[in-house]
Amino acid sequence: MLPKLKKAFWVLGAGVFLLMIFLPGFSKLQELKDKNRELEVKIKRLKINNALMEQELGLLESDPVYQERVAREKLGVVKKGEIPIKVLPQRRQ
């Protein structure tokens, strides 16, 4: 009976030893896989954003109507003879 107990002790010890060696590496691998998934999602979002910006750049380079709209909205440009009017929000009392 004693040799079986001794053998079981060594098997258990070897199992614990292997677990102590491989568990940190396995945990790090899972952490890196999660980080990789996050970065893949971020890359997809950036590619979509990049495509939208390229589309807008194309419009800015080739569409005079869009150029005028952007100039009016973002830069406050007005045509000759127009009078710009600034609408202020009402104050709450």
PDB file of N, CA and C in Angstrom:
ATOM      1  N   MET A   1       0.828  -1.192   0.000  1.00  0.00           N
ATOM      2  CA  MET A   1       0.000   0.000   0.000  1.00  0.00           C
ATOM      3  C   MET A   1       0.873   1.258   0.000  1.00  0.00           C
ATOM      4  N   LEU A   2       1.961   1.231   0.680  1.00  0.00           N
ATOM      5  CA  LEU A   2       2.850   2.380   0.775  1.00  0.00           C
ATOM      6  C   LEU A   2       3.445   2.759  -0.585  1.00  0.00           C
ATOM      7  N   PRO A   3       3.868   1.807  -1.437  1.00  0.00           N
ATOM      8  CA  PRO A   3       4.403   2.191  -2.752  1.00  0.00           C
ATOM      9  C   PRO A   3       3.350   2.894  -3.616  1.00  0.00           C
ATOM     10  N   LYS A   4       2.078   2.482  -3.541  1.00  0.00           N
ATOM     11  CA  LYS A   4       1.030   3.141  -4.315  1.00  0.00           C
ATOM     12  C   LYS A   4       0.840   4.583  -3.846  1.00  0.00           C
ATOM     13  N   LEU A   5       0.888   4.804  -2.540  1.00  0.00           N
ATOM     14  CA  LEU A   5       0.747   6.138  -1.969  1.00  0.00           C
ATOM     15  C   LEU A   5       1.912   7.022  -2.405  1.00  0.00           C
ATOM     16  N   LYS A   6       3.115   6.430  -2.404  1.00  0.00           N
ATOM     17  CA  LYS A   6       4.298   7.158  -2.814  1.00  0.00           C
ATOM     18  C   LYS A   6       4.179   7.557  -4.294  1.00  0.00           C
ATOM     19  N   LYS A   7       3.694   6.628  -5.129  1.00  0.00           N
ATOM     20  CA  LYS A   7       3.533   6.889  -6.553  1.00  0.00           C
ATOM     21  C   LYS A   7       2.489   7.985  -6.787  1.00  0.00           C
ATOM     22  N   ALA A   8       1.383   7.929  -6.063  1.00  0.00           N
ATOM     23  CA  ALA A   8       0.333   8.935  -6.179  1.00  0.00           C
ATOM     24  C   ALA A   8       0.853  10.305  -5.751  1.00  0.00           C
ATOM     25  N   PHE A   9       1.662  10.334  -4.714  1.00  0.00           N
ATOM     26  CA  PHE A   9       2.253  11.588  -4.247  1.00  0.00           C
ATOM     27  C   PHE A   9       3.133  12.202  -5.329  1.00  0.00           C
ATOM     28  N   TRP A  10       3.960  11.386  -5.978  1.00  0.00           N
ATOM     29  CA  TRP A  10       4.847  11.876  -7.027  1.00  0.00           C
ATOM     30  C   TRP A  10       4.060  12.342  -8.260  1.00  0.00           C
ATOM     31  N   VAL A  11       3.005  11.628  -8.607  1.00  0.00           N
ATOM     32  CA  VAL A  11       2.170  12.027  -9.742  1.00  0.00           C
ATOM     33  C   VAL A  11       1.485  13.357  -9.441  1.00  0.00           C
ATOM     34  N   LEU A  12       0.955  13.471  -8.229  1.00  0.00           N
ATOM     35  CA  LEU A  12       0.313  14.724  -7.821  1.00  0.00           C
ATOM     36  C   LEU A  12       1.327  15.866  -7.805  1.00  0.00           C
ATOM     37  N   GLY A  13       2.504  15.614  -7.269  1.00  0.00           N
ATOM     38  CA  GLY A  13       3.563  16.629  -7.223  1.00  0.00           C
ATOM     39  C   GLY A  13       3.974  17.067  -8.622  1.00  0.00           C
ATOM     40  N   ALA A  14       4.102  16.082  -9.522  1.00  0.00           N
ATOM     41  CA  ALA A  14       4.476  16.400 -10.900  1.00  0.00           C
ATOM     42  C   ALA A  14       3.368  17.214 -11.575  1.00  0.00           C
ATOM     43  N   GLY A  15       2.124  16.856 -11.302  1.00  0.00           N
ATOM     44  CA  GLY A  15       1.001  17.600 -11.867  1.00  0.00           C
ATOM     45  C   GLY A  15       0.977  19.041 -11.386  1.00  0.00           C
ATOM     46  N   VAL A  16       1.185  19.245 -10.098  1.00  0.00           N
ATOM     47  CA  VAL A  16       1.217  20.594  -9.526  1.00  0.00           C
ATOM     48  C   VAL A  16       2.392  21.374 -10.107  1.00  0.00           C
ATOM     49  N   PHE A  17       3.531  20.715 -10.234  1.00  0.00           N
ATOM     50  CA  PHE A  17       4.718  21.371 -10.793  1.00  0.00           C
ATOM     51  C   PHE A  17       4.461  21.829 -12.231  1.00  0.00           C
ATOM     52  N   LEU A  18       3.893  20.941 -13.054  1.00  0.00           N
ATOM     53  CA  LEU A  18       3.580  21.299 -14.443  1.00  0.00           C
ATOM     54  C   LEU A  18       2.561  22.425 -14.514  1.00  0.00           C
ATOM     55  N   LEU A  19       1.577  22.383 -13.635  1.00  0.00           N
ATOM     56  CA  LEU A  19       0.565  23.436 -13.594  1.00  0.00           C
ATOM     57  C   LEU A  19       1.206  24.782 -13.258  1.00  0.00           C
ATOM     58  N   MET A  20       2.131  24.776 -12.295  1.00  0.00           N
ATOM     59  CA  MET A  20       2.815  26.014 -11.905  1.00  0.00           C
ATOM     60  C   MET A  20       3.665  26.559 -13.050  1.00  0.00           C
ATOM     61  N   ILE A  21       4.198  25.678 -13.880  1.00  0.00           N
ATOM     62  CA  ILE A  21       5.039  26.121 -14.983  1.00  0.00           C
ATOM     63  C   ILE A  21       4.190  26.666 -16.138  1.00  0.00           C
ATOM     64  N   PHE A  22       3.110  25.961 -16.501  1.00  0.00           N
ATOM     65  CA  PHE A  22       2.352  26.318 -17.693  1.00  0.00           C
ATOM     66  C   PHE A  22       1.211  27.297 -17.460  1.00  0.00           C
ATOM     67  N   LEU A  23       0.707  27.434 -16.248  1.00  0.00           N
ATOM     68  CA  LEU A  23      -0.429  28.317 -15.994  1.00  0.00           C
ATOM     69  C   LEU A  23      -0.133  29.785 -16.299  1.00  0.00           C
ATOM     70  N   PRO A  24       1.010  30.329 -15.870  1.00  0.00           N
ATOM     71  CA  PRO A  24       1.271  31.740 -16.215  1.00  0.00           C
ATOM     72  C   PRO A  24       1.349  31.972 -17.725  1.00  0.00           C
ATOM     73  N   GLY A  25       1.959  31.044 -18.444  1.00  0.00           N
ATOM     74  CA  GLY A  25       2.044  31.187 -19.899  1.00  0.00           C
ATOM     75  C   GLY A  25       0.676  31.106 -20.545  1.00  0.00           C
ATOM     76  N   PHE A  26      -0.168  30.222 -20.060  1.00  0.00           N
ATOM     77  CA  PHE A  26      -1.526  30.086 -20.586  1.00  0.00           C
ATOM     78  C   PHE A  26      -2.330  31.350 -20.315  1.00  0.00           C
ATOM     79  N   SER A  27      -2.188  31.889 -19.113  1.00  0.00           N
ATOM     80  CA  SER A  27      -2.895  33.131 -18.768  1.00  0.00           C
ATOM     81  C   SER A  27      -2.441  34.277 -19.668  1.00  0.00           C
ATOM     82  N   LYS A  28      -1.149  34.372 -19.910  1.00  0.00           N
ATOM     83  CA  LYS A  28      -0.605  35.420 -20.766  1.00  0.00           C
ATOM     84  C   LYS A  28      -1.118  35.247 -22.204  1.00  0.00           C
ATOM     85  N   LEU A  29      -1.200  34.007 -22.670  1.00  0.00           N
ATOM     86  CA  LEU A  29      -1.713  33.719 -24.006  1.00  0.00           C
ATOM     87  C   LEU A  29      -3.161  34.184 -24.140  1.00  0.00           C
ATOM     88  N   GLN A  30      -3.994  33.900 -23.148  1.00  0.00           N
ATOM     89  CA  GLN A  30      -5.392  34.338 -23.177  1.00  0.00           C
ATOM     90  C   GLN A  30      -5.485  35.863 -23.168  1.00  0.00           C
ATOM     91  N   GLU A  31      -4.636  36.489 -22.372  1.00  0.00           N
ATOM     92  CA  GLU A  31      -4.618  37.950 -22.301  1.00  0.00           C
ATOM     93  C   GLU A  31      -4.249  38.543 -23.669  1.00  0.00           C
ATOM     94  N   LEU A  32      -3.259  37.951 -24.324  1.00  0.00           N
ATOM     95  CA  LEU A  32      -2.840  38.438 -25.639  1.00  0.00           C
ATOM     96  C   LEU A  32      -3.917  38.195 -26.702  1.00  0.00           C
ATOM     97  N   LYS A  33      -4.635  37.086 -26.607  1.00  0.00           N
ATOM     98  CA  LYS A  33      -5.731  36.820 -27.543  1.00  0.00           C
ATOM     99  C   LYS A  33      -6.833  37.867 -27.384  1.00  0.00           C
ATOM    100  N   ASP A  34      -7.164  38.217 -26.127  1.00  0.00           N
ATOM    101  CA  ASP A  34      -8.176  39.245 -25.878  1.00  0.00           C
ATOM    102  C   ASP A  34      -7.727  40.593 -26.448  1.00  0.00           C
ATOM    103  N   LYS A  35      -6.468  40.932 -26.219  1.00  0.00           N
ATOM    104  CA  LYS A  35      -5.924  42.195 -26.726  1.00  0.00           C
ATOM    105  C   LYS A  35      -5.962  42.207 -28.255  1.00  0.00           C
ATOM    106  N   ASN A  36      -5.652  41.064 -28.865  1.00  0.00           N
ATOM    107  CA  ASN A  36      -5.678  40.944 -30.322  1.00  0.00           C
ATOM    108  C   ASN A  36      -7.086  41.181 -30.865  1.00  0.00           C
ATOM    109  N   ARG A  37      -8.093  40.613 -30.201  1.00  0.00           N
ATOM    110  CA  ARG A  37      -9.483  40.825 -30.628  1.00  0.00           C
ATOM    111  C   ARG A  37      -9.854  42.305 -30.545  1.00  0.00           C
ATOM    112  N   GLU A  38      -9.462  42.948 -29.449  1.00  0.00           N
ATOM    113  CA  GLU A  38      -9.753  44.378 -29.284  1.00  0.00           C
ATOM    114  C   GLU A  38      -9.104  45.201 -30.401  1.00  0.00           C
ATOM    115  N   LEU A  39      -7.857  44.868 -30.722  1.00  0.00           N
ATOM    116  CA  LEU A  39      -7.146  45.608 -31.764  1.00  0.00           C
ATOM    117  C   LEU A  39      -7.758  45.360 -33.139  1.00  0.00           C
ATOM    118  N   GLU A  40      -8.243  44.149 -33.395  1.00  0.00           N
ATOM    119  CA  GLU A  40      -8.898  43.866 -34.671  1.00  0.00           C
ATOM    120  C   GLU A  40     -10.169  44.695 -34.825  1.00  0.00           C
ATOM    121  N   VAL A  41     -10.937  44.838 -33.748  1.00  0.00           N
ATOM    122  CA  VAL A  41     -12.154  45.664 -33.788  1.00  0.00           C
ATOM    123  C   VAL A  41     -11.779  47.122 -34.033  1.00  0.00           C
ATOM    124  N   LYS A  42     -10.726  47.578 -33.366  1.00  0.00           N
ATOM    125  CA  LYS A  42     -10.279  48.961 -33.541  1.00  0.00           C
ATOM    126  C   LYS A  42      -9.815  49.197 -34.977  1.00  0.00           C
ATOM    127  N   ILE A  43      -9.119  48.227 -35.565  1.00  0.00           N
ATOM    128  CA  ILE A  43      -8.660  48.350 -36.946  1.00  0.00           C
ATOM    129  C   ILE A  43      -9.848  48.450 -37.893  1.00  0.00           C
ATOM    130  N   LYS A  44     -10.886  47.641 -37.664  1.00  0.00           N
ATOM    131  CA  LYS A  44     -12.077  47.707 -38.515  1.00  0.00           C
ATOM    132  C   LYS A  44     -12.720  49.084 -38.447  1.00  0.00           C
ATOM    133  N   ARG A  45     -12.843  49.621 -37.214  1.00  0.00           N
ATOM    134  CA  ARG A  45     -13.437  50.952 -37.053  1.00  0.00           C
ATOM    135  C   ARG A  45     -12.597  52.017 -37.770  1.00  0.00           C
ATOM    136  N   LEU A  46     -11.275  51.916 -37.646  1.00  0.00           N
ATOM    137  CA  LEU A  46     -10.399  52.895 -38.292  1.00  0.00           C
ATOM    138  C   LEU A  46     -10.455  52.790 -39.818  1.00  0.00           C
ATOM    139  N   LYS A  47     -10.600  51.568 -40.334  1.00  0.00           N
ATOM    140  CA  LYS A  47     -10.720  51.408 -41.787  1.00  0.00           C
ATOM    141  C   LYS A  47     -12.005  52.049 -42.295  1.00  0.00           C
ATOM    142  N   ILE A  48     -13.090  51.876 -41.554  1.00  0.00           N
ATOM    143  CA  ILE A  48     -14.358  52.499 -41.935  1.00  0.00           C
ATOM    144  C   ILE A  48     -14.223  54.019 -41.897  1.00  0.00           C
ATOM    145  N   ASN A  49     -13.628  54.528 -40.833  1.00  0.00           N
ATOM    146  CA  ASN A  49     -13.432  55.972 -40.695  1.00  0.00           C
ATOM    147  C   ASN A  49     -12.544  56.500 -41.818  1.00  0.00           C
ATOM    148  N   ASN A  50     -11.502  55.742 -42.157  1.00  0.00           N
ATOM    149  CA  ASN A  50     -10.602  56.140 -43.234  1.00  0.00           C
ATOM    150  C   ASN A  50     -11.338  56.194 -44.574  1.00  0.00           C
ATOM    151  N   ALA A  51     -12.187  55.216 -44.827  1.00  0.00           N
ATOM    152  CA  ALA A  51     -12.953  55.196 -46.083  1.00  0.00           C
ATOM    153  C   ALA A  51     -13.889  56.404 -46.157  1.00  0.00           C
ATOM    154  N   LEU A  52     -14.522  56.740 -45.031  1.00  0.00           N
ATOM    155  CA  LEU A  52     -15.409  57.917 -45.014  1.00  0.00           C
ATOM    156  C   LEU A  52     -14.628  59.200 -45.262  1.00  0.00           C
ATOM    157  N   MET A  53     -13.439  59.287 -44.685  1.00  0.00           N
ATOM    158  CA  MET A  53     -12.623  60.488 -44.877  1.00  0.00           C
ATOM    159  C   MET A  53     -12.132  60.585 -46.320  1.00  0.00           C
ATOM    160  N   GLU A  54     -11.787  59.442 -46.928  1.00  0.00           N
ATOM    161  CA  GLU A  54     -11.376  59.454 -48.331  1.00  0.00           C
ATOM    162  C   GLU A  54     -12.530  59.887 -49.232  1.00  0.00           C
ATOM    163  N   GLN A  55     -13.733  59.442 -48.892  1.00  0.00           N
ATOM    164  CA  GLN A  55     -14.920  59.845 -49.658  1.00  0.00           C
ATOM    165  C   GLN A  55     -15.134  61.354 -49.540  1.00  0.00           C
ATOM    166  N   GLU A  56     -15.000  61.876 -48.331  1.00  0.00           N
ATOM    167  CA  GLU A  56     -15.171  63.318 -48.137  1.00  0.00           C
ATOM    168  C   GLU A  56     -14.074  64.095 -48.862  1.00  0.00           C
ATOM    169  N   LEU A  57     -12.856  63.590 -48.841  1.00  0.00           N
ATOM    170  CA  LEU A  57     -11.764  64.245 -49.556  1.00  0.00           C
ATOM    171  C   LEU A  57     -12.052  64.300 -51.051  1.00  0.00           C
ATOM    172  N   GLY A  58     -12.576  63.195 -51.589  1.00  0.00           N
ATOM    173  CA  GLY A  58     -12.940  63.183 -53.005  1.00  0.00           C
ATOM    174  C   GLY A  58     -13.985  64.230 -53.327  1.00  0.00           C
ATOM    175  N   LEU A  59     -14.982  64.367 -52.443  1.00  0.00           N
ATOM    176  CA  LEU A  59     -16.012  65.393 -52.650  1.00  0.00           C
ATOM    177  C   LEU A  59     -15.411  66.790 -52.566  1.00  0.00           C
ATOM    178  N   LEU A  60     -14.509  67.003 -51.611  1.00  0.00           N
ATOM    179  CA  LEU A  60     -13.900  68.327 -51.459  1.00  0.00           C
ATOM    180  C   LEU A  60     -13.047  68.687 -52.665  1.00  0.00           C
ATOM    181  N   GLU A  61     -12.445  67.688 -53.287  1.00  0.00           N
ATOM    182  CA  GLU A  61     -11.597  67.959 -54.447  1.00  0.00           C
ATOM    183  C   GLU A  61     -12.398  68.155 -55.731  1.00  0.00           C
ATOM    184  N   SER A  62     -13.593  67.565 -55.824  1.00  0.00           N
ATOM    185  CA  SER A  62     -14.273  67.541 -57.117  1.00  0.00           C
ATOM    186  C   SER A  62     -15.670  68.156 -57.151  1.00  0.00           C
ATOM    187  N   ASP A  63     -16.315  68.363 -56.015  1.00  0.00           N
ATOM    188  CA  ASP A  63     -17.712  68.817 -56.013  1.00  0.00           C
ATOM    189  C   ASP A  63     -17.798  70.256 -55.496  1.00  0.00           C
ATOM    190  N   PRO A  64     -18.023  71.226 -56.384  1.00  0.00           N
ATOM    191  CA  PRO A  64     -18.075  72.627 -55.948  1.00  0.00           C
ATOM    192  C   PRO A  64     -19.239  72.923 -54.998  1.00  0.00           C
ATOM    193  N   VAL A  65     -20.348  72.221 -55.153  1.00  0.00           N
ATOM    194  CA  VAL A  65     -21.486  72.439 -54.266  1.00  0.00           C
ATOM    195  C   VAL A  65     -21.119  71.999 -52.841  1.00  0.00           C
ATOM    196  N   TYR A  66     -20.451  70.863 -52.742  1.00  0.00           N
ATOM    197  CA  TYR A  66     -20.024  70.382 -51.419  1.00  0.00           C
ATOM    198  C   TYR A  66     -18.963  71.307 -50.833  1.00  0.00           C
ATOM    199  N   GLN A  67     -18.058  71.781 -51.677  1.00  0.00           N
ATOM    200  CA  GLN A  67     -17.033  72.721 -51.210  1.00  0.00           C
ATOM    201  C   GLN A  67     -17.673  73.962 -50.606  1.00  0.00           C
ATOM    202  N   GLU A  68     -18.694  74.488 -51.283  1.00  0.00           N
ATOM    203  CA  GLU A  68     -19.369  75.683 -50.786  1.00  0.00           C
ATOM    204  C   GLU A  68     -20.064  75.405 -49.461  1.00  0.00           C
ATOM    205  N   ARG A  69     -20.734  74.260 -49.387  1.00  0.00           N
ATOM    206  CA  ARG A  69     -21.435  73.918 -48.152  1.00  0.00           C
ATOM    207  C   ARG A  69     -20.474  73.808 -46.962  1.00  0.00           C
ATOM    208  N   VAL A  70     -19.348  73.149 -47.176  1.00  0.00           N
ATOM    209  CA  VAL A  70     -18.359  73.004 -46.101  1.00  0.00           C
ATOM    210  C   VAL A  70     -17.789  74.364 -45.724  1.00  0.00           C
ATOM    211  N   ALA A  71     -17.489  75.182 -46.720  1.00  0.00           N
ATOM    212  CA  ALA A  71     -16.944  76.511 -46.436  1.00  0.00           C
ATOM    213  C   ALA A  71     -17.924  77.344 -45.624  1.00  0.00           C
ATOM    214  N   ARG A  72     -19.205  77.258 -45.952  1.00  0.00           N
ATOM    215  CA  ARG A  72     -20.216  78.019 -45.223  1.00  0.00           C
ATOM    216  C   ARG A  72     -20.387  77.486 -43.794  1.00  0.00           C
ATOM    217  N   GLU A  73     -20.502  76.157 -43.663  1.00  0.00           N
ATOM    218  CA  GLU A  73     -20.788  75.568 -42.351  1.00  0.00           C
ATOM    219  C   GLU A  73     -19.591  75.615 -41.404  1.00  0.00           C
ATOM    220  N   LYS A  74     -18.432  75.245 -41.905  1.00  0.00           N
ATOM    221  CA  LYS A  74     -17.283  75.088 -41.005  1.00  0.00           C
ATOM    222  C   LYS A  74     -16.403  76.334 -40.922  1.00  0.00           C
ATOM    223  N   LEU A  75     -16.366  77.103 -41.993  1.00  0.00           N
ATOM    224  CA  LEU A  75     -15.475  78.258 -42.003  1.00  0.00           C
ATOM    225  C   LEU A  75     -16.215  79.588 -41.893  1.00  0.00           C
ATOM    226  N   GLY A  76     -17.536  79.553 -42.001  1.00  0.00           N
ATOM    227  CA  GLY A  76     -18.323  80.779 -41.884  1.00  0.00           C
ATOM    228  C   GLY A  76     -18.189  81.703 -43.086  1.00  0.00           C
ATOM    229  N   VAL A  77     -17.858  81.155 -44.249  1.00  0.00           N
ATOM    230  CA  VAL A  77     -17.692  81.958 -45.461  1.00  0.00           C
ATOM    231  C   VAL A  77     -19.064  82.402 -45.966  1.00  0.00           C
ATOM    232  N   VAL A  78     -19.138  83.660 -46.428  1.00  0.00           N
ATOM    233  CA  VAL A  78     -20.377  84.189 -47.008  1.00  0.00           C
ATOM    234  C   VAL A  78     -20.079  84.712 -48.410  1.00  0.00           C
ATOM    235  N   LYS A  79     -21.110  84.721 -49.247  1.00  0.00           N
ATOM    236  CA  LYS A  79     -20.951  85.262 -50.601  1.00  0.00           C
ATOM    237  C   LYS A  79     -20.970  86.782 -50.547  1.00  0.00           C
ATOM    238  N   LYS A  80     -20.446  87.376 -51.595  1.00  0.00           N
ATOM    239  CA  LYS A  80     -20.430  88.830 -51.689  1.00  0.00           C
ATOM    240  C   LYS A  80     -21.878  89.331 -51.699  1.00  0.00           C
ATOM    241  N   GLY A  81     -22.161  90.303 -50.853  1.00  0.00           N
ATOM    242  CA  GLY A  81     -23.492  90.876 -50.764  1.00  0.00           C
ATOM    243  C   GLY A  81     -24.367  90.221 -49.705  1.00  0.00           C
ATOM    244  N   GLU A  82     -23.989  89.047 -49.197  1.00  0.00           N
ATOM    245  CA  GLU A  82     -24.775  88.403 -48.132  1.00  0.00           C
ATOM    246  C   GLU A  82     -24.442  89.032 -46.790  1.00  0.00           C
ATOM    247  N   ILE A  83     -25.409  89.023 -45.907  1.00  0.00           N
ATOM    248  CA  ILE A  83     -25.197  89.539 -44.561  1.00  0.00           C
ATOM    249  C   ILE A  83     -25.289  88.362 -43.596  1.00  0.00           C
ATOM    250  N   PRO A  84     -24.192  88.052 -42.929  1.00  0.00           N
ATOM    251  CA  PRO A  84     -24.239  86.923 -41.978  1.00  0.00           C
ATOM    252  C   PRO A  84     -25.028  87.287 -40.719  1.00  0.00           C
ATOM    253  N   ILE A  85     -25.824  86.365 -40.267  1.00  0.00           N
ATOM    254  CA  ILE A  85     -26.617  86.564 -39.055  1.00  0.00           C
ATOM    255  C   ILE A  85     -26.274  85.438 -38.097  1.00  0.00           C
ATOM    256  N   LYS A  86     -25.953  85.817 -36.874  1.00  0.00           N
ATOM    257  CA  LYS A  86     -25.622  84.824 -35.860  1.00  0.00           C
ATOM    258  C   LYS A  86     -26.804  84.696 -34.902  1.00  0.00           C
ATOM    259  N   VAL A  87     -27.330  83.483 -34.771  1.00  0.00           N
ATOM    260  CA  VAL A  87     -28.470  83.245 -33.889  1.00  0.00           C
ATOM    261  C   VAL A  87     -27.924  82.765 -32.555  1.00  0.00           C
ATOM    262  N   LEU A  88     -28.257  83.502 -31.505  1.00  0.00           N
ATOM    263  CA  LEU A  88     -27.804  83.145 -30.165  1.00  0.00           C
ATOM    264  C   LEU A  88     -28.900  82.375 -29.442  1.00  0.00           C
ATOM    265  N   PRO A  89     -28.544  81.383 -28.659  1.00  0.00           N
ATOM    266  CA  PRO A  89     -29.581  80.661 -27.901  1.00  0.00           C
ATOM    267  C   PRO A  89     -30.189  81.572 -26.827  1.00  0.00           C
ATOM    268  N   GLN A  90     -31.461  81.322 -26.527  1.00  0.00           N
ATOM    269  CA  GLN A  90     -32.138  82.118 -25.513  1.00  0.00           C
ATOM    270  C   GLN A  90     -31.577  81.807 -24.141  1.00  0.00           C
ATOM    271  N   ARG A  91     -31.510  82.823 -23.323  1.00  0.00           N
ATOM    272  CA  ARG A  91     -31.067  82.631 -21.939  1.00  0.00           C
ATOM    273  C   ARG A  91     -32.229  82.140 -21.098  1.00  0.00           C
ATOM    274  N   ARG A  92     -31.959  81.225 -20.226  1.00  0.00           N
ATOM    275  CA  ARG A  92     -33.004  80.771 -19.292  1.00  0.00           C
ATOM    276  C   ARG A  92     -32.962  81.646 -18.059  1.00  0.00           C
ATOM    277  N   GLN A  93     -34.133  82.005 -17.591  1.00  0.00           N
ATOM    278  CA  GLN A  93     -34.160  82.850 -16.394  1.00  0.00           C
ATOM    279  C   GLN A  93     -34.716  82.131 -15.212  1.00  0.00           C
TER     280      GLN A  93
END
